[in-house]
Amino acid sequence: MALIEIDLYGDLMIAASMADEERLSIDRIDEVLRVVRPVRRAEPANPSGAQ
């Protein structure tokens, strides 16, 4: 497990060193770490059923 974390940290360091901006955005960090966000289901327009 520790080797995976070290590898991910290395990926972040490489991305940070190649970035044009001063800091990596949250989206860029997620991209580097290959984060996949769950898709939210659309909620019904009227969850109570009342009209």
Protein backbone atom coordinates (compact mmCIF):
# COMPACT_ATOMS: atom_id res chain seq x y z
CA MET A 1 0.00 0.00 0.00
CA ALA A 2 2.78 2.43 0.84
CA LEU A 3 4.36 1.96 -2.59
CA ILE A 4 1.10 2.94 -4.29
CA GLU A 5 0.92 6.10 -2.18
CA ILE A 6 4.52 6.95 -3.03
CA ASP A 7 3.77 6.45 -6.72
CA LEU A 8 0.72 8.73 -6.54
CA TYR A 9 2.74 11.35 -4.68
CA GLY A 10 5.38 11.17 -7.39
CA ASP A 11 2.71 11.67 -10.06
CA LEU A 12 1.52 14.79 -8.22
CA MET A 13 5.06 16.14 -7.93
CA ILE A 14 5.65 15.66 -11.66
CA ALA A 15 2.34 17.35 -12.53
CA ALA A 16 3.13 20.26 -10.20
CA SER A 17 6.57 20.75 -11.68
CA MET A 18 5.13 20.85 -15.21
CA ALA A 19 2.20 23.15 -14.37
CA ASP A 20 2.09 26.69 -15.73
CA GLU A 21 0.14 27.96 -12.74
CA GLU A 22 1.44 28.26 -9.20
CA ARG A 23 -0.91 25.60 -7.81
CA LEU A 24 -2.71 22.63 -9.27
CA SER A 25 -6.47 22.96 -9.45
CA ILE A 26 -8.67 20.40 -7.71
CA ASP A 27 -9.74 19.13 -11.13
CA ARG A 28 -6.11 18.69 -12.24
CA ILE A 29 -5.25 16.85 -9.02
CA ASP A 30 -8.22 14.53 -9.56
CA GLU A 31 -7.08 13.95 -13.14
CA VAL A 32 -3.52 13.10 -12.06
CA LEU A 33 -4.76 10.77 -9.31
CA ARG A 34 -7.36 9.24 -11.67
CA VAL A 35 -10.26 10.07 -9.34
CA VAL A 36 -13.64 8.96 -10.64
CA ARG A 37 -16.62 10.68 -9.09
CA PRO A 38 -19.90 8.77 -8.81
CA VAL A 39 -22.70 9.98 -11.06
CA ARG A 40 -25.58 11.48 -9.11
CA ARG A 41 -29.07 10.44 -9.99
CA ALA A 42 -31.54 13.18 -10.80
CA GLU A 43 -34.03 13.64 -7.98
CA PRO A 44 -37.74 13.81 -8.79
CA ALA A 45 -39.06 17.35 -9.29
CA ASN A 46 -41.64 16.82 -6.53
CA PRO A 47 -40.36 14.13 -4.12
CA SER A 48 -43.39 14.41 -1.77
CA GLY A 49 -45.81 13.44 -4.54
CA ALA A 50 -48.06 16.43 -3.78
CA GLN A 51 -49.40 18.47 -6.70
